C-alpha atoms as a PDB file:
ATOM      1  CA  MET A   1      99.374 103.087 104.109  1.00  0.00           C
ATOM      2  CA  ASN A   2      98.210 106.753 102.951  1.00  0.00           C
ATOM      3  CA  PHE A   3     100.190 109.022 100.697  1.00  0.00           C
ATOM      4  CA  PHE A   4     102.138 111.207 103.042  1.00  0.00           C
ATOM      5  CA  SER A   5     103.483 108.039 104.703  1.00  0.00           C
ATOM      6  CA  HIS A   6     104.267 106.613 101.500  1.00  0.00           C
ATOM      7  CA  ALA A   7     106.544 109.703 101.059  1.00  0.00           C
ATOM      8  CA  VAL A   8     108.104 109.369 104.384  1.00  0.00           C
ATOM      9  CA  VAL A   9     109.238 105.926 103.691  1.00  0.00           C
ATOM     10  CA  ALA A  10     110.451 106.758 100.037  1.00  0.00           C
ATOM     11  CA  THR A  11     112.466 110.001 101.302  1.00  0.00           C
ATOM     12  CA  ARG A  12     114.697 107.812 103.536  1.00  0.00           C
ATOM     13  CA  ARG A  13     115.866 106.242 100.348  1.00  0.00           C
ATOM     14  CA  SER A  14     115.975 108.777  97.846  1.00  0.00           C
ATOM     15  CA  GLU A  15     115.453 112.458  97.510  1.00  0.00           C
ATOM     16  CA  ASP A  16     114.542 112.287  93.758  1.00  0.00           C
ATOM     17  CA  PRO A  17     111.154 113.986  93.433  1.00  0.00           C
ATOM     18  CA  ARG A  18     110.296 111.652  90.705  1.00  0.00           C
ATOM     19  CA  TRP A  19     110.477 108.606  93.121  1.00  0.00           C
ATOM     20  CA  ILE A  20     108.838 110.212  95.852  1.00  0.00           C
ATOM     21  CA  LEU A  21     105.656 111.281  93.592  1.00  0.00           C
ATOM     22  CA  GLY A  22     105.859 107.936  91.853  1.00  0.00           C
ATOM     23  CA  SER A  23     105.682 106.408  95.558  1.00  0.00           C
ATOM     24  CA  MET A  24     102.348 108.233  96.338  1.00  0.00           C
ATOM     25  CA  LEU A  25     100.855 108.163  92.686  1.00  0.00           C
ATOM     26  CA  PRO A  26      98.765 104.929  92.795  1.00  0.00           C
ATOM     27  CA  ASP A  27      97.056 106.809  96.129  1.00  0.00           C
ATOM     28  CA  PHE A  28      96.293 109.886  93.920  1.00  0.00           C
ATOM     29  CA  VAL A  29      95.192 107.565  90.989  1.00  0.00           C
ATOM     30  CA  SER A  30      92.594 105.990  93.403  1.00  0.00           C
ATOM     31  CA  MET A  31      91.506 109.489  94.840  1.00  0.00           C
ATOM     32  CA  ALA A  32      90.724 110.437  91.180  1.00  0.00           C
ATOM     33  CA  GLY A  33      88.523 107.601  90.751  1.00  0.00           C
ATOM     34  CA  LEU A  34      91.148 106.535  87.780  1.00  0.00           C
ATOM     35  CA  ARG A  35      92.814 103.172  87.177  1.00  0.00           C
ATOM     36  CA  LEU A  36      96.389 103.418  86.020  1.00  0.00           C
ATOM     37  CA  GLU A  37      97.350 101.115  83.251  1.00  0.00           C
ATOM     38  CA  SER A  38     100.704 102.078  82.583  1.00  0.00           C
ATOM     39  CA  VAL A  39     103.568 104.232  83.628  1.00  0.00           C
ATOM     40  CA  THR A  40     106.541 104.957  80.685  1.00  0.00           C
ATOM     41  CA  GLY A  41     109.253 107.305  80.044  1.00  0.00           C
ATOM     42  CA  ASP A  42     110.753 107.895  83.481  1.00  0.00           C
ATOM     43  CA  ALA A  43     112.472 105.281  85.392  1.00  0.00           C
ATOM     44  CA  PRO A  44     112.470 106.936  88.720  1.00  0.00           C
ATOM     45  CA  LEU A  45     108.450 107.384  88.553  1.00  0.00           C
ATOM     46  CA  GLU A  46     108.338 103.676  87.559  1.00  0.00           C
ATOM     47  CA  ARG A  47     110.531 102.469  90.280  1.00  0.00           C
ATOM     48  CA  GLY A  48     108.498 104.689  92.596  1.00  0.00           C
ATOM     49  CA  VAL A  49     105.117 103.058  91.621  1.00  0.00           C
ATOM     50  CA  ALA A  50     106.688  99.927  92.043  1.00  0.00           C
ATOM     51  CA  PHE A  51     107.740 100.641  95.718  1.00  0.00           C
ATOM     52  CA  HIS A  52     104.562 101.858  96.591  1.00  0.00           C
ATOM     53  CA  HIS A  53     102.983  98.334  96.099  1.00  0.00           C
ATOM     54  CA  THR A  54     105.846  96.927  98.036  1.00  0.00           C
ATOM     55  CA  CYS A  55     105.402  99.213 100.943  1.00  0.00           C
ATOM     56  CA  ASP A  56     101.648  98.615 100.865  1.00  0.00           C
ATOM     57  CA  ASP A  57     102.071  94.623 101.276  1.00  0.00           C
ATOM     58  CA  ALA A  58     104.853  95.247 103.819  1.00  0.00           C
ATOM     59  CA  PHE A  59     102.426  97.692 105.764  1.00  0.00           C
ATOM     60  CA  HIS A  60      98.997  95.985 105.588  1.00  0.00           C
ATOM     61  CA  GLY A  61     100.911  92.591 106.738  1.00  0.00           C
ATOM     62  CA  ALA A  62     102.681  94.474 109.645  1.00  0.00           C
ATOM     63  CA  PRO A  63     101.487  92.900 113.006  1.00  0.00           C
ATOM     64  CA  LEU A  64     100.853  96.196 114.756  1.00  0.00           C
ATOM     65  CA  PHE A  65      98.652  97.881 111.899  1.00  0.00           C
ATOM     66  CA  VAL A  66      96.326  94.280 111.714  1.00  0.00           C
ATOM     67  CA  GLU A  67      96.290  94.861 115.807  1.00  0.00           C
ATOM     68  CA  MET A  68      95.331  98.674 115.437  1.00  0.00           C
ATOM     69  CA  MET A  69      92.800  97.869 112.666  1.00  0.00           C
ATOM     70  CA  GLU A  70      91.164  95.356 114.635  1.00  0.00           C
ATOM     71  CA  ASP A  71      91.045  96.982 117.914  1.00  0.00           C
ATOM     72  CA  ALA A  72      89.613  99.836 115.891  1.00  0.00           C
ATOM     73  CA  ARG A  73      86.722  97.794 114.376  1.00  0.00           C
ATOM     74  CA  GLU A  74      86.028  95.855 117.399  1.00  0.00           C
ATOM     75  CA  GLU A  75      85.602  99.151 119.163  1.00  0.00           C
ATOM     76  CA  LEU A  76      83.421 100.818 116.945  1.00  0.00           C
ATOM     77  CA  GLU A  77      80.959  97.997 116.648  1.00  0.00           C
ATOM     78  CA  ARG A  78      80.926  98.036 120.251  1.00  0.00           C
ATOM     79  CA  ASP A  79      79.724 101.768 120.104  1.00  0.00           C
ATOM     80  CA  GLY A  80      77.183 100.711 117.573  1.00  0.00           C
ATOM     81  CA  LEU A  81      78.213 100.930 114.144  1.00  0.00           C
ATOM     82  CA  ASP A  82      77.813  97.930 111.850  1.00  0.00           C
ATOM     83  CA  SER A  83      80.732  95.602 110.711  1.00  0.00           C
ATOM     84  CA  GLY A  84      81.411  97.090 107.139  1.00  0.00           C
ATOM     85  CA  PRO A  85      81.893 100.891 108.315  1.00  0.00           C
ATOM     86  CA  ALA A  86      83.820  99.561 111.352  1.00  0.00           C
ATOM     87  CA  MET A  87      86.192  97.749 109.423  1.00  0.00           C
ATOM     88  CA  ALA A  88      86.585 100.487 106.898  1.00  0.00           C
ATOM     89  CA  ILE A  89      87.280 102.973 109.308  1.00  0.00           C
ATOM     90  CA  GLY A  90      89.598 100.959 111.213  1.00  0.00           C
ATOM     91  CA  HIS A  91      91.506 100.555 108.125  1.00  0.00           C
ATOM     92  CA  VAL A  92      91.711 103.753 106.591  1.00  0.00           C
ATOM     93  CA  GLY A  93      91.271 105.745 109.833  1.00  0.00           C
ATOM     94  CA  VAL A  94      94.302 104.385 111.269  1.00  0.00           C
ATOM     95  CA  GLU A  95      96.474 105.404 108.008  1.00  0.00           C
ATOM     96  CA  LEU A  96      95.134 108.941 108.161  1.00  0.00           C
ATOM     97  CA  LEU A  97      95.759 109.277 111.664  1.00  0.00           C
ATOM     98  CA  LEU A  98      99.448 107.841 110.777  1.00  0.00           C
ATOM     99  CA  ASP A  99      99.944 110.671 108.349  1.00  0.00           C
ATOM    100  CA  GLY A 100      99.011 113.021 110.725  1.00  0.00           C
ATOM    101  CA  HIS A 101     101.503 111.853 113.221  1.00  0.00           C
ATOM    102  CA  LEU A 102     104.210 112.071 110.721  1.00  0.00           C
ATOM    103  CA  VAL A 103     103.241 115.618 110.055  1.00  0.00           C
ATOM    104  CA  THR A 104     103.471 116.479 113.854  1.00  0.00           C
ATOM    105  CA  GLN A 105     106.763 114.792 113.874  1.00  0.00           C
ATOM    106  CA  SER A 106     108.686 116.404 110.781  1.00  0.00           C
ATOM    107  CA  GLY A 107     106.228 118.787 109.143  1.00  0.00           C
ATOM    108  CA  VAL A 108     105.379 118.871 105.354  1.00  0.00           C
ATOM    109  CA  THR A 109     108.856 118.443 104.016  1.00  0.00           C
ATOM    110  CA  ARG A 110     110.584 120.315 101.341  1.00  0.00           C
ATOM    111  CA  ASP A 111     111.216 116.802  99.441  1.00  0.00           C
ATOM    112  CA  TYR A 112     107.398 115.963  99.365  1.00  0.00           C
ATOM    113  CA  ARG A 113     106.600 119.421  98.340  1.00  0.00           C
ATOM    114  CA  ALA A 114     109.176 119.263  95.370  1.00  0.00           C
ATOM    115  CA  ALA A 115     107.347 115.636  94.553  1.00  0.00           C
ATOM    116  CA  ILE A 116     103.897 117.455  94.616  1.00  0.00           C
ATOM    117  CA  GLU A 117     104.900 120.086  92.327  1.00  0.00           C
ATOM    118  CA  GLU A 118     106.229 117.432  89.934  1.00  0.00           C
ATOM    119  CA  ALA A 119     103.002 115.764  89.458  1.00  0.00           C
ATOM    120  CA  PRO A 120     101.219 118.005  87.112  1.00  0.00           C
ATOM    121  CA  HIS A 121     104.272 117.604  84.726  1.00  0.00           C
ATOM    122  CA  VAL A 122     104.126 113.845  84.407  1.00  0.00           C
ATOM    123  CA  ASP A 123     100.636 113.493  82.946  1.00  0.00           C
ATOM    124  CA  VAL A 124     102.098 112.696  79.337  1.00  0.00           C
ATOM    125  CA  LEU A 125     103.859 109.559  81.099  1.00  0.00           C
ATOM    126  CA  LEU A 126     100.618 108.159  82.519  1.00  0.00           C
ATOM    127  CA  ARG A 127      97.680 106.009  80.693  1.00  0.00           C
ATOM    128  CA  PHE A 128      94.740 105.053  82.406  1.00  0.00           C
ATOM    129  CA  HIS A 129      92.010 102.483  81.745  1.00  0.00           C
ATOM    130  CA  GLY A 130      89.272 103.804  79.596  1.00  0.00           C
ATOM    131  CA  LEU A 131      90.690 106.906  78.830  1.00  0.00           C
ATOM    132  CA  ASP A 132      92.474 108.520  75.824  1.00  0.00           C
ATOM    133  CA  ALA A 133      95.572 110.285  76.419  1.00  0.00           C
ATOM    134  CA  ALA A 134      94.137 113.829  76.286  1.00  0.00           C
ATOM    135  CA  GLN A 135      91.199 112.588  78.761  1.00  0.00           C
ATOM    136  CA  GLY A 136      93.660 110.930  81.111  1.00  0.00           C
ATOM    137  CA  SER A 137      95.968 113.900  81.228  1.00  0.00           C
ATOM    138  CA  ALA A 138      93.260 116.216  81.817  1.00  0.00           C
ATOM    139  CA  ARG A 139      91.484 113.998  84.661  1.00  0.00           C
ATOM    140  CA  TRP A 140      95.146 113.919  86.305  1.00  0.00           C
ATOM    141  CA  ARG A 141      95.523 117.450  86.193  1.00  0.00           C
ATOM    142  CA  GLN A 142      92.257 118.151  87.966  1.00  0.00           C
ATOM    143  CA  MET A 143      93.103 115.723  90.709  1.00  0.00           C
ATOM    144  CA  MET A 144      96.339 117.413  91.137  1.00  0.00           C
ATOM    145  CA  GLN A 145      94.794 120.659  91.479  1.00  0.00           C
ATOM    146  CA  ARG A 146      92.311 119.587  94.006  1.00  0.00           C
ATOM    147  CA  LEU A 147      95.068 118.005  96.194  1.00  0.00           C
ATOM    148  CA  ALA A 148      97.255 121.175  95.769  1.00  0.00           C
ATOM    149  CA  ASN A 149      93.756 123.223  97.192  1.00  0.00           C
ATOM    150  CA  ALA A 150      93.028 120.654  99.990  1.00  0.00           C
ATOM    151  CA  PRO A 151      94.389 121.256 103.652  1.00  0.00           C
ATOM    152  CA  VAL A 152      96.063 117.941 103.441  1.00  0.00           C
ATOM    153  CA  PRO A 153      98.374 116.311 104.589  1.00  0.00           C
ATOM    154  CA  GLU A 154      98.152 118.992 107.676  1.00  0.00           C
ATOM    155  CA  GLY A 155      94.782 118.398 108.257  1.00  0.00           C
ATOM    156  CA  TYR A 156      95.187 114.829 109.277  1.00  0.00           C
ATOM    157  CA  THR A 157      96.819 116.272 112.377  1.00  0.00           C
ATOM    158  CA  GLU A 158      93.311 117.135 113.691  1.00  0.00           C
ATOM    159  CA  PRO A 159      90.963 113.868 114.800  1.00  0.00           C
ATOM    160  CA  ALA A 160      87.780 115.853 113.730  1.00  0.00           C
ATOM    161  CA  PHE A 161      88.891 116.715 110.213  1.00  0.00           C
ATOM    162  CA  VAL A 162      90.106 112.708 109.860  1.00  0.00           C
ATOM    163  CA  ALA A 163      86.604 111.787 111.200  1.00  0.00           C
ATOM    164  CA  ASP A 164      84.681 114.336 108.668  1.00  0.00           C
ATOM    165  CA  ARG A 165      87.071 112.870 105.831  1.00  0.00           C
ATOM    166  CA  LEU A 166      86.408 109.228 106.897  1.00  0.00           C
ATOM    167  CA  VAL A 167      82.625 109.953 106.508  1.00  0.00           C
ATOM    168  CA  GLN A 168      83.190 111.699 103.246  1.00  0.00           C
ATOM    169  CA  ILE A 169      85.171 108.978 101.739  1.00  0.00           C
ATOM    170  CA  LEU A 170      82.974 106.136 102.663  1.00  0.00           C
ATOM    171  CA  ALA A 171      79.527 107.680 101.677  1.00  0.00           C
ATOM    172  CA  SER A 172      79.290 106.784  98.223  1.00  0.00           C
ATOM    173  CA  ARG A 173      79.792 102.999  99.423  1.00  0.00           C
ATOM    174  CA  PRO A 174      76.549 101.552 100.724  1.00  0.00           C
ATOM    175  CA  ARG A 175      77.840  98.652 102.304  1.00  0.00           C
ATOM    176  CA  LEU A 176      80.619 100.734 104.157  1.00  0.00           C
ATOM    177  CA  ALA A 177      79.051 104.223 104.519  1.00  0.00           C
ATOM    178  CA  VAL A 178      78.592 105.750 108.240  1.00  0.00           C
ATOM    179  CA  PRO A 179      74.784 105.782 108.952  1.00  0.00           C
ATOM    180  CA  PHE A 180      73.255 109.483 108.981  1.00  0.00           C
ATOM    181  CA  GLY A 181      73.244 110.338 112.753  1.00  0.00           C
ATOM    182  CA  ARG A 182      76.051 108.131 113.406  1.00  0.00           C
ATOM    183  CA  GLU A 183      78.751 110.251 112.593  1.00  0.00           C
ATOM    184  CA  PRO A 184      79.757 111.402 116.305  1.00  0.00           C
ATOM    185  CA  LEU A 185      80.625 107.758 116.980  1.00  0.00           C
ATOM    186  CA  VAL A 186      83.373 108.250 114.103  1.00  0.00           C
ATOM    187  CA  HIS A 187      84.489 111.622 115.855  1.00  0.00           C
ATOM    188  CA  ALA A 188      84.787 109.942 119.219  1.00  0.00           C
ATOM    189  CA  TRP A 189      86.755 107.078 118.004  1.00  0.00           C
ATOM    190  CA  ALA A 190      89.266 109.555 115.759  1.00  0.00           C
ATOM    191  CA  LYS A 191      89.789 111.338 119.042  1.00  0.00           C
ATOM    192  CA  ARG A 192      90.695 108.426 121.239  1.00  0.00           C
ATOM    193  CA  ALA A 193      92.699 106.516 118.516  1.00  0.00           C
ATOM    194  CA  ALA A 194      95.182 109.497 117.543  1.00  0.00           C
ATOM    195  CA  PRO A 195      97.363 109.131 120.697  1.00  0.00           C
ATOM    196  CA  VAL A 196      97.145 105.438 120.153  1.00  0.00           C
ATOM    197  CA  VAL A 197      98.393 105.281 116.851  1.00  0.00           C
ATOM    198  CA  ALA A 198     100.922 108.369 117.663  1.00  0.00           C
ATOM    199  CA  ARG A 199     102.451 105.447 120.530  1.00  0.00           C
ATOM    200  CA  GLY A 200     102.530 102.986 118.079  1.00  0.00           C
ATOM    201  CA  ALA A 201     104.079 104.679 115.059  1.00  0.00           C
ATOM    202  CA  ARG A 202     107.548 103.924 115.746  1.00  0.00           C
ATOM    203  CA  ALA A 203     107.556 100.363 116.307  1.00  0.00           C
ATOM    204  CA  LEU A 204     104.976  99.891 113.402  1.00  0.00           C
ATOM    205  CA  PHE A 205     107.226 101.548 111.112  1.00  0.00           C
ATOM    206  CA  GLU A 206     109.960  99.426 112.476  1.00  0.00           C
ATOM    207  CA  GLN A 207     108.064  96.431 111.505  1.00  0.00           C
ATOM    208  CA  VAL A 208     107.066  97.789 108.220  1.00  0.00           C
ATOM    209  CA  GLU A 209     111.076  98.554 107.480  1.00  0.00           C
ATOM    210  CA  ALA A 210     111.795  94.754 108.703  1.00  0.00           C
ATOM    211  CA  ARG A 211     109.416  93.509 106.094  1.00  0.00           C
ATOM    212  CA  LEU A 212     110.504  95.922 103.449  1.00  0.00           C
ATOM    213  CA  ALA A 213     114.103  94.194 103.936  1.00  0.00           C
ATOM    214  CA  ALA A 214     112.766  90.704 103.849  1.00  0.00           C
ATOM    215  CA  ALA A 215     111.245  91.591 100.252  1.00  0.00           C
ATOM    216  CA  GLY A 216     114.430  92.736  99.214  1.00  0.00           C
ATOM    217  CA  ALA A 217     113.677  96.470  99.026  1.00  0.00           C
ATOM    218  CA  ALA A 218     116.507  99.180  99.483  1.00  0.00           C
ATOM    219  CA  PRO A 219     117.329 100.039 102.799  1.00  0.00           C
ATOM    220  CA  PRO A 220     117.140 103.553 104.577  1.00  0.00           C
ATOM    221  CA  ARG A 221     119.933 105.567 103.919  1.00  0.00           C
END
């Protein structure tokens, strides 16, 4: 589950911006190339981080997500991609397209924007492996500034944007990188997959909510 989907699921339970931010925070930490050591001094933020991990477990084990991911992998391999990039695109690509579908359904909500506005102010509450407090704070603020300037999550509504983003994300991973000249395969897949993900989104989130309930997570309001 990508960060905007996390925010949507969290907002169903509370409009507290620190809670919603916490539900996205591990994704932002990963995007910054950091490793989170601890969150201290803010209960909603801490609970949101814990909810993020519960949501990821529920999402990644949802049968429909597994099916979408596997279908994408098989399709991309038939088109000529190796198993590594095909598997990575099947996983991350479905997540990004799902974010895009949610944007088309409800727009980028006030609650999401409020959470993002809180992000620069929580730097003093975060500790990262291998960095002192000042270094961690600076890296976090830099990440949130890049996010504020990036055309996301709105860009995920466009399959071409998603395809370009996937190629960029995987470029630094030798075993997962899309070989030069094979980028059109990713674009073609994203264009085909976007309506498939959109059609399955409601049923997928029903499965996620059922798995969250089984894990003891608070139900939607």
